[in-house]
PDB file of N, CA and C in Angstrom:
ATOM      1  N   MET A   1       2.563   0.487  19.443  1.00  0.00           N
ATOM      2  CA  MET A   1       2.079   0.202  18.103  1.00  0.00           C
ATOM      3  C   MET A   1       3.260   0.123  17.137  1.00  0.00           C
ATOM      4  N   ALA A   2       3.184  -0.797  16.202  1.00  0.00           N
ATOM      5  CA  ALA A   2       4.263  -1.002  15.248  1.00  0.00           C
ATOM      6  C   ALA A   2       4.321   0.150  14.251  1.00  0.00           C
ATOM      7  N   THR A   3       5.514   0.389  13.703  1.00  0.00           N
ATOM      8  CA  THR A   3       5.686   1.399  12.674  1.00  0.00           C
ATOM      9  C   THR A   3       5.179   0.837  11.356  1.00  0.00           C
ATOM     10  N   ALA A   4       4.362   1.605  10.669  1.00  0.00           N
ATOM     11  CA  ALA A   4       3.703   1.109   9.460  1.00  0.00           C
ATOM     12  C   ALA A   4       4.482   1.472   8.199  1.00  0.00           C
ATOM     13  N   THR A   5       5.751   1.070   8.143  1.00  0.00           N
ATOM     14  CA  THR A   5       6.483   1.236   6.885  1.00  0.00           C
ATOM     15  C   THR A   5       5.962   0.189   5.919  1.00  0.00           C
ATOM     16  N   PRO A   6       6.049   0.447   4.617  1.00  0.00           N
ATOM     17  CA  PRO A   6       5.585  -0.567   3.663  1.00  0.00           C
ATOM     18  C   PRO A   6       6.240  -1.932   3.889  1.00  0.00           C
ATOM     19  N   GLU A   7       7.529  -1.927   4.202  1.00  0.00           N
ATOM     20  CA  GLU A   7       8.250  -3.191   4.421  1.00  0.00           C
ATOM     21  C   GLU A   7       7.733  -3.912   5.663  1.00  0.00           C
ATOM     22  N   ALA A   8       7.499  -3.164   6.730  1.00  0.00           N
ATOM     23  CA  ALA A   8       7.015  -3.774   7.975  1.00  0.00           C
ATOM     24  C   ALA A   8       5.607  -4.320   7.810  1.00  0.00           C
ATOM     25  N   VAL A   9       4.753  -3.552   7.137  1.00  0.00           N
ATOM     26  CA  VAL A   9       3.378  -3.998   6.912  1.00  0.00           C
ATOM     27  C   VAL A   9       3.382  -5.246   6.041  1.00  0.00           C
ATOM     28  N   GLU A  10       4.178  -5.231   4.981  1.00  0.00           N
ATOM     29  CA  GLU A  10       4.246  -6.399   4.099  1.00  0.00           C
ATOM     30  C   GLU A  10       4.702  -7.631   4.867  1.00  0.00           C
ATOM     31  N   ALA A  11       5.751  -7.491   5.664  1.00  0.00           N
ATOM     32  CA  ALA A  11       6.260  -8.632   6.429  1.00  0.00           C
ATOM     33  C   ALA A  11       5.204  -9.171   7.386  1.00  0.00           C
ATOM     34  N   ARG A  12       4.472  -8.286   8.058  1.00  0.00           N
ATOM     35  CA  ARG A  12       3.460  -8.716   9.027  1.00  0.00           C
ATOM     36  C   ARG A  12       2.273  -9.384   8.340  1.00  0.00           C
ATOM     37  N   ILE A  13       1.831  -8.820   7.237  1.00  0.00           N
ATOM     38  CA  ILE A  13       0.695  -9.403   6.521  1.00  0.00           C
ATOM     39  C   ILE A  13       1.078 -10.757   5.928  1.00  0.00           C
ATOM     40  N   VAL A  14       2.260 -10.856   5.345  1.00  0.00           N
ATOM     41  CA  VAL A  14       2.722 -12.136   4.792  1.00  0.00           C
ATOM     42  C   VAL A  14       2.791 -13.183   5.899  1.00  0.00           C
ATOM     43  N   GLU A  15       3.354 -12.797   7.034  1.00  0.00           N
ATOM     44  CA  GLU A  15       3.462 -13.724   8.172  1.00  0.00           C
ATOM     45  C   GLU A  15       2.069 -14.173   8.641  1.00  0.00           C
ATOM     46  N   ALA A  16       1.150 -13.231   8.750  1.00  0.00           N
ATOM     47  CA  ALA A  16      -0.207 -13.559   9.210  1.00  0.00           C
ATOM     48  C   ALA A  16      -0.906 -14.484   8.220  1.00  0.00           C
ATOM     49  N   LEU A  17      -0.822 -14.164   6.935  1.00  0.00           N
ATOM     50  CA  LEU A  17      -1.491 -14.996   5.934  1.00  0.00           C
ATOM     51  C   LEU A  17      -0.898 -16.399   5.887  1.00  0.00           C
ATOM     52  N   ALA A  18       0.415 -16.500   6.020  1.00  0.00           N
ATOM     53  CA  ALA A  18       1.063 -17.816   6.017  1.00  0.00           C
ATOM     54  C   ALA A  18       0.593 -18.649   7.209  1.00  0.00           C
ATOM     55  N   SER A  19       0.266 -17.993   8.309  1.00  0.00           N
ATOM     56  CA  SER A  19      -0.201 -18.728   9.493  1.00  0.00           C
ATOM     57  C   SER A  19      -1.581 -19.342   9.263  1.00  0.00           C
ATOM     58  N   PHE A  20      -2.302 -18.874   8.230  1.00  0.00           N
ATOM     59  CA  PHE A  20      -3.628 -19.410   7.913  1.00  0.00           C
ATOM     60  C   PHE A  20      -3.562 -20.640   7.004  1.00  0.00           C
ATOM     61  N   GLY A  21      -2.363 -21.032   6.560  1.00  0.00           N
ATOM     62  CA  GLY A  21      -2.276 -22.256   5.768  1.00  0.00           C
ATOM     63  C   GLY A  21      -1.314 -22.277   4.601  1.00  0.00           C
ATOM     64  N   PRO A  22      -1.287 -21.234   3.754  1.00  0.00           N
ATOM     65  CA  PRO A  22      -0.408 -21.328   2.586  1.00  0.00           C
ATOM     66  C   PRO A  22       1.071 -21.266   2.986  1.00  0.00           C
ATOM     67  N   ASP A  23       1.917 -21.847   2.138  1.00  0.00           N
ATOM     68  CA  ASP A  23       3.357 -21.738   2.360  1.00  0.00           C
ATOM     69  C   ASP A  23       3.759 -20.282   2.221  1.00  0.00           C
ATOM     70  N   ILE A  24       4.712 -19.847   3.026  1.00  0.00           N
ATOM     71  CA  ILE A  24       5.108 -18.434   3.018  1.00  0.00           C
ATOM     72  C   ILE A  24       5.637 -18.020   1.645  1.00  0.00           C
ATOM     73  N   GLU A  25       6.227 -18.964   0.895  1.00  0.00           N
ATOM     74  CA  GLU A  25       6.740 -18.636  -0.440  1.00  0.00           C
ATOM     75  C   GLU A  25       5.602 -18.295  -1.412  1.00  0.00           C
ATOM     76  N   GLN A  26       4.403 -18.788  -1.142  1.00  0.00           N
ATOM     77  CA  GLN A  26       3.247 -18.516  -2.003  1.00  0.00           C
ATOM     78  C   GLN A  26       2.663 -17.131  -1.765  1.00  0.00           C
ATOM     79  N   VAL A  27       2.937 -16.560  -0.602  1.00  0.00           N
ATOM     80  CA  VAL A  27       2.313 -15.292  -0.216  1.00  0.00           C
ATOM     81  C   VAL A  27       3.136 -14.137  -0.781  1.00  0.00           C
ATOM     82  N   THR A  28       2.819 -13.767  -2.024  1.00  0.00           N
ATOM     83  CA  THR A  28       3.492 -12.655  -2.693  1.00  0.00           C
ATOM     84  C   THR A  28       2.494 -11.519  -2.875  1.00  0.00           C
ATOM     85  N   ARG A  29       2.999 -10.353  -3.218  1.00  0.00           N
ATOM     86  CA  ARG A  29       2.117  -9.189  -3.421  1.00  0.00           C
ATOM     87  C   ARG A  29       1.076  -9.447  -4.510  1.00  0.00           C
ATOM     88  N   ASP A  30       1.433 -10.259  -5.512  1.00  0.00           N
ATOM     89  CA  ASP A  30       0.529 -10.520  -6.638  1.00  0.00           C
ATOM     90  C   ASP A  30      -0.440 -11.664  -6.375  1.00  0.00           C
ATOM     91  N   ALA A  31      -0.226 -12.418  -5.307  1.00  0.00           N
ATOM     92  CA  ALA A  31      -1.091 -13.566  -5.022  1.00  0.00           C
ATOM     93  C   ALA A  31      -2.471 -13.092  -4.596  1.00  0.00           C
ATOM     94  N   THR A  32      -3.503 -13.746  -5.149  1.00  0.00           N
ATOM     95  CA  THR A  32      -4.861 -13.407  -4.732  1.00  0.00           C
ATOM     96  C   THR A  32      -5.212 -14.231  -3.497  1.00  0.00           C
ATOM     97  N   PHE A  33      -6.171 -13.727  -2.736  1.00  0.00           N
ATOM     98  CA  PHE A  33      -6.619 -14.467  -1.551  1.00  0.00           C
ATOM     99  C   PHE A  33      -7.253 -15.786  -1.978  1.00  0.00           C
ATOM    100  N   GLU A  34      -7.896 -15.782  -3.137  1.00  0.00           N
ATOM    101  CA  GLU A  34      -8.505 -17.015  -3.644  1.00  0.00           C
ATOM    102  C   GLU A  34      -7.429 -18.064  -3.932  1.00  0.00           C
ATOM    103  N   GLU A  35      -6.355 -17.659  -4.585  1.00  0.00           N
ATOM    104  CA  GLU A  35      -5.243 -18.589  -4.876  1.00  0.00           C
ATOM    105  C   GLU A  35      -4.651 -19.168  -3.594  1.00  0.00           C
ATOM    106  N   LEU A  36      -4.613 -18.347  -2.561  1.00  0.00           N
ATOM    107  CA  LEU A  36      -4.011 -18.766  -1.291  1.00  0.00           C
ATOM    108  C   LEU A  36      -4.998 -19.535  -0.413  1.00  0.00           C
ATOM    109  N   ASP A  37      -6.238 -19.651  -0.873  1.00  0.00           N
ATOM    110  CA  ASP A  37      -7.300 -20.314  -0.117  1.00  0.00           C
ATOM    111  C   ASP A  37      -7.555 -19.600   1.215  1.00  0.00           C
ATOM    112  N   ILE A  38      -7.512 -18.265   1.153  1.00  0.00           N
ATOM    113  CA  ILE A  38      -7.805 -17.417   2.311  1.00  0.00           C
ATOM    114  C   ILE A  38      -9.294 -17.071   2.238  1.00  0.00           C
ATOM    115  N   ASP A  39     -10.050 -17.479   3.253  1.00  0.00           N
ATOM    116  CA  ASP A  39     -11.496 -17.236   3.226  1.00  0.00           C
ATOM    117  C   ASP A  39     -11.861 -15.987   4.027  1.00  0.00           C
ATOM    118  N   SER A  40     -13.153 -15.707   4.081  1.00  0.00           N
ATOM    119  CA  SER A  40     -13.615 -14.477   4.732  1.00  0.00           C
ATOM    120  C   SER A  40     -13.297 -14.466   6.226  1.00  0.00           C
ATOM    121  N   LEU A  41     -13.319 -15.620   6.868  1.00  0.00           N
ATOM    122  CA  LEU A  41     -12.965 -15.661   8.297  1.00  0.00           C
ATOM    123  C   LEU A  41     -11.486 -15.336   8.498  1.00  0.00           C
ATOM    124  N   ASP A  42     -10.642 -15.820   7.594  1.00  0.00           N
ATOM    125  CA  ASP A  42      -9.220 -15.485   7.661  1.00  0.00           C
ATOM    126  C   ASP A  42      -9.022 -13.980   7.488  1.00  0.00           C
ATOM    127  N   LEU A  43      -9.797 -13.373   6.586  1.00  0.00           N
ATOM    128  CA  LEU A  43      -9.667 -11.932   6.363  1.00  0.00           C
ATOM    129  C   LEU A  43     -10.132 -11.136   7.576  1.00  0.00           C
ATOM    130  N   VAL A  44     -11.146 -11.620   8.264  1.00  0.00           N
ATOM    131  CA  VAL A  44     -11.582 -10.963   9.503  1.00  0.00           C
ATOM    132  C   VAL A  44     -10.451 -11.022  10.532  1.00  0.00           C
ATOM    133  N   GLU A  45      -9.806 -12.174  10.622  1.00  0.00           N
ATOM    134  CA  GLU A  45      -8.691 -12.315  11.554  1.00  0.00           C
ATOM    135  C   GLU A  45      -7.524 -11.408  11.150  1.00  0.00           C
ATOM    136  N   LEU A  46      -7.262 -11.320   9.843  1.00  0.00           N
ATOM    137  CA  LEU A  46      -6.208 -10.422   9.355  1.00  0.00           C
ATOM    138  C   LEU A  46      -6.533  -8.976   9.721  1.00  0.00           C
ATOM    139  N   ALA A  47      -7.801  -8.579   9.559  1.00  0.00           N
ATOM    140  CA  ALA A  47      -8.207  -7.215   9.907  1.00  0.00           C
ATOM    141  C   ALA A  47      -7.959  -6.937  11.387  1.00  0.00           C
ATOM    142  N   GLN A  48      -8.205  -7.931  12.238  1.00  0.00           N
ATOM    143  CA  GLN A  48      -7.966  -7.770  13.678  1.00  0.00           C
ATOM    144  C   GLN A  48      -6.470  -7.608  13.971  1.00  0.00           C
ATOM    145  N   ILE A  49      -5.642  -8.394  13.299  1.00  0.00           N
ATOM    146  CA  ILE A  49      -4.190  -8.298  13.468  1.00  0.00           C
ATOM    147  C   ILE A  49      -3.715  -6.906  13.062  1.00  0.00           C
ATOM    148  N   VAL A  50      -4.211  -6.415  11.924  1.00  0.00           N
ATOM    149  CA  VAL A  50      -3.822  -5.089  11.425  1.00  0.00           C
ATOM    150  C   VAL A  50      -4.243  -4.006  12.409  1.00  0.00           C
ATOM    151  N   GLU A  51      -5.454  -4.130  12.947  1.00  0.00           N
ATOM    152  CA  GLU A  51      -5.925  -3.131  13.914  1.00  0.00           C
ATOM    153  C   GLU A  51      -5.083  -3.171  15.189  1.00  0.00           C
ATOM    154  N   ASP A  52      -4.783  -4.378  15.675  1.00  0.00           N
ATOM    155  CA  ASP A  52      -3.969  -4.504  16.889  1.00  0.00           C
ATOM    156  C   ASP A  52      -2.560  -3.960  16.691  1.00  0.00           C
ATOM    157  N   ASP A  53      -1.959  -4.252  15.541  1.00  0.00           N
ATOM    158  CA  ASP A  53      -0.562  -3.881  15.304  1.00  0.00           C
ATOM    159  C   ASP A  53      -0.386  -2.430  14.869  1.00  0.00           C
ATOM    160  N   TYR A  54      -1.316  -1.927  14.050  1.00  0.00           N
ATOM    161  CA  TYR A  54      -1.121  -0.614  13.429  1.00  0.00           C
ATOM    162  C   TYR A  54      -2.209   0.401  13.744  1.00  0.00           C
ATOM    163  N   GLY A  55      -3.255  -0.012  14.453  1.00  0.00           N
ATOM    164  CA  GLY A  55      -4.333   0.905  14.773  1.00  0.00           C
ATOM    165  C   GLY A  55      -5.180   1.274  13.567  1.00  0.00           C
ATOM    166  N   VAL A  56      -5.109   0.454  12.516  1.00  0.00           N
ATOM    167  CA  VAL A  56      -5.875   0.701  11.296  1.00  0.00           C
ATOM    168  C   VAL A  56      -7.096  -0.208  11.312  1.00  0.00           C
ATOM    169  N   GLU A  57      -8.279   0.415  11.268  1.00  0.00           N
ATOM    170  CA  GLU A  57      -9.506  -0.365  11.282  1.00  0.00           C
ATOM    171  C   GLU A  57      -9.957  -0.628   9.847  1.00  0.00           C
ATOM    172  N   LEU A  58     -10.105  -1.909   9.526  1.00  0.00           N
ATOM    173  CA  LEU A  58     -10.595  -2.303   8.202  1.00  0.00           C
ATOM    174  C   LEU A  58     -12.001  -2.857   8.365  1.00  0.00           C
ATOM    175  N   LYS A  59     -12.931  -2.282   7.661  1.00  0.00           N
ATOM    176  CA  LYS A  59     -14.329  -2.709   7.743  1.00  0.00           C
ATOM    177  C   LYS A  59     -14.611  -3.773   6.677  1.00  0.00           C
ATOM    178  N   GLY A  60     -15.787  -4.364   6.757  1.00  0.00           N
ATOM    179  CA  GLY A  60     -16.178  -5.401   5.807  1.00  0.00           C
ATOM    180  C   GLY A  60     -16.099  -4.944   4.357  1.00  0.00           C
ATOM    181  N   ASP A  61     -16.543  -3.707   4.095  1.00  0.00           N
ATOM    182  CA  ASP A  61     -16.486  -3.193   2.723  1.00  0.00           C
ATOM    183  C   ASP A  61     -15.053  -3.078   2.234  1.00  0.00           C
ATOM    184  N   ASP A  62     -14.144  -2.673   3.127  1.00  0.00           N
ATOM    185  CA  ASP A  62     -12.730  -2.597   2.759  1.00  0.00           C
ATOM    186  C   ASP A  62     -12.214  -3.982   2.370  1.00  0.00           C
ATOM    187  N   MET A  63     -12.547  -4.951   3.200  1.00  0.00           N
ATOM    188  CA  MET A  63     -12.012  -6.296   3.010  1.00  0.00           C
ATOM    189  C   MET A  63     -12.550  -6.950   1.744  1.00  0.00           C
ATOM    190  N   LYS A  64     -13.831  -6.712   1.410  1.00  0.00           N
ATOM    191  CA  LYS A  64     -14.376  -7.391   0.235  1.00  0.00           C
ATOM    192  C   LYS A  64     -13.826  -6.818  -1.064  1.00  0.00           C
ATOM    193  N   ASN A  65     -13.270  -5.605  -1.012  1.00  0.00           N
ATOM    194  CA  ASN A  65     -12.678  -5.005  -2.204  1.00  0.00           C
ATOM    195  C   ASN A  65     -11.228  -5.420  -2.419  1.00  0.00           C
ATOM    196  N   LEU A  66     -10.645  -6.087  -1.445  1.00  0.00           N
ATOM    197  CA  LEU A  66      -9.258  -6.527  -1.576  1.00  0.00           C
ATOM    198  C   LEU A  66      -9.212  -7.835  -2.346  1.00  0.00           C
ATOM    199  N   LYS A  67      -8.365  -7.890  -3.352  1.00  0.00           N
ATOM    200  CA  LYS A  67      -8.236  -9.111  -4.153  1.00  0.00           C
ATOM    201  C   LYS A  67      -6.877  -9.773  -3.959  1.00  0.00           C
ATOM    202  N   THR A  68      -5.826  -8.950  -3.779  1.00  0.00           N
ATOM    203  CA  THR A  68      -4.473  -9.493  -3.681  1.00  0.00           C
ATOM    204  C   THR A  68      -3.818  -9.090  -2.364  1.00  0.00           C
ATOM    205  N   VAL A  69      -2.740  -9.772  -2.061  1.00  0.00           N
ATOM    206  CA  VAL A  69      -1.951  -9.436  -0.874  1.00  0.00           C
ATOM    207  C   VAL A  69      -1.458  -7.993  -0.986  1.00  0.00           C
ATOM    208  N   GLY A  70      -1.032  -7.590  -2.178  1.00  0.00           N
ATOM    209  CA  GLY A  70      -0.559  -6.222  -2.403  1.00  0.00           C
ATOM    210  C   GLY A  70      -1.632  -5.186  -2.114  1.00  0.00           C
ATOM    211  N   ASP A  71      -2.887  -5.491  -2.477  1.00  0.00           N
ATOM    212  CA  ASP A  71      -4.005  -4.578  -2.184  1.00  0.00           C
ATOM    213  C   ASP A  71      -4.111  -4.337  -0.685  1.00  0.00           C
ATOM    214  N   ALA A  72      -3.994  -5.404   0.090  1.00  0.00           N
ATOM    215  CA  ALA A  72      -4.102  -5.292   1.547  1.00  0.00           C
ATOM    216  C   ALA A  72      -2.956  -4.469   2.111  1.00  0.00           C
ATOM    217  N   ILE A  73      -1.751  -4.725   1.638  1.00  0.00           N
ATOM    218  CA  ILE A  73      -0.578  -3.985   2.115  1.00  0.00           C
ATOM    219  C   ILE A  73      -0.740  -2.493   1.826  1.00  0.00           C
ATOM    220  N   GLU A  74      -1.122  -2.167   0.592  1.00  0.00           N
ATOM    221  CA  GLU A  74      -1.260  -0.765   0.197  1.00  0.00           C
ATOM    222  C   GLU A  74      -2.340  -0.047   1.013  1.00  0.00           C
ATOM    223  N   LEU A  75      -3.446  -0.730   1.273  1.00  0.00           N
ATOM    224  CA  LEU A  75      -4.530  -0.121   2.055  1.00  0.00           C
ATOM    225  C   LEU A  75      -4.065   0.184   3.478  1.00  0.00           C
ATOM    226  N   VAL A  76      -3.394  -0.771   4.104  1.00  0.00           N
ATOM    227  CA  VAL A  76      -2.929  -0.575   5.482  1.00  0.00           C
ATOM    228  C   VAL A  76      -1.903   0.562   5.542  1.00  0.00           C
ATOM    229  N   VAL A  77      -0.954   0.586   4.617  1.00  0.00           N
ATOM    230  CA  VAL A  77       0.065   1.641   4.620  1.00  0.00           C
ATOM    231  C   VAL A  77      -0.591   3.001   4.414  1.00  0.00           C
ATOM    232  N   ALA A  78      -1.552   3.090   3.503  1.00  0.00           N
ATOM    233  CA  ALA A  78      -2.231   4.366   3.231  1.00  0.00           C
ATOM    234  C   ALA A  78      -3.010   4.850   4.446  1.00  0.00           C
ATOM    235  N   ARG A  79      -3.686   3.941   5.124  1.00  0.00           N
ATOM    236  CA  ARG A  79      -4.502   4.326   6.283  1.00  0.00           C
ATOM    237  C   ARG A  79      -3.652   4.641   7.502  1.00  0.00           C
ATOM    238  N   ALA A  80      -2.492   4.038   7.599  1.00  0.00           N
ATOM    239  CA  ALA A  80      -1.671   4.201   8.797  1.00  0.00           C
ATOM    240  C   ALA A  80      -0.858   5.490   8.763  1.00  0.00           C
ATOM    241  N   SER A  81      -0.692   6.075   7.568  1.00  0.00           N
ATOM    242  CA  SER A  81       0.164   7.269   7.497  1.00  0.00           C
ATOM    243  C   SER A  81      -0.600   8.551   7.727  1.00  0.00           C
TER     244      SER A  81
END
């Protein structure tokens, strides 16, 4: 399992989100999923990546409360520690 440092989690989430379509330069902590055109299926896939890499399970309620890339990073880091 990967080490869940804030930097590592941020890099992995940015990489995963960029693979769903947006340019990697657009994927910043302040970017909203709506701005990035990340839909609910993409978020389900992101949750699976996070669980596989860090052992952090994100449920539907967790995911619907996330608005920005930074929100996702902070949640994963908090749950992984």
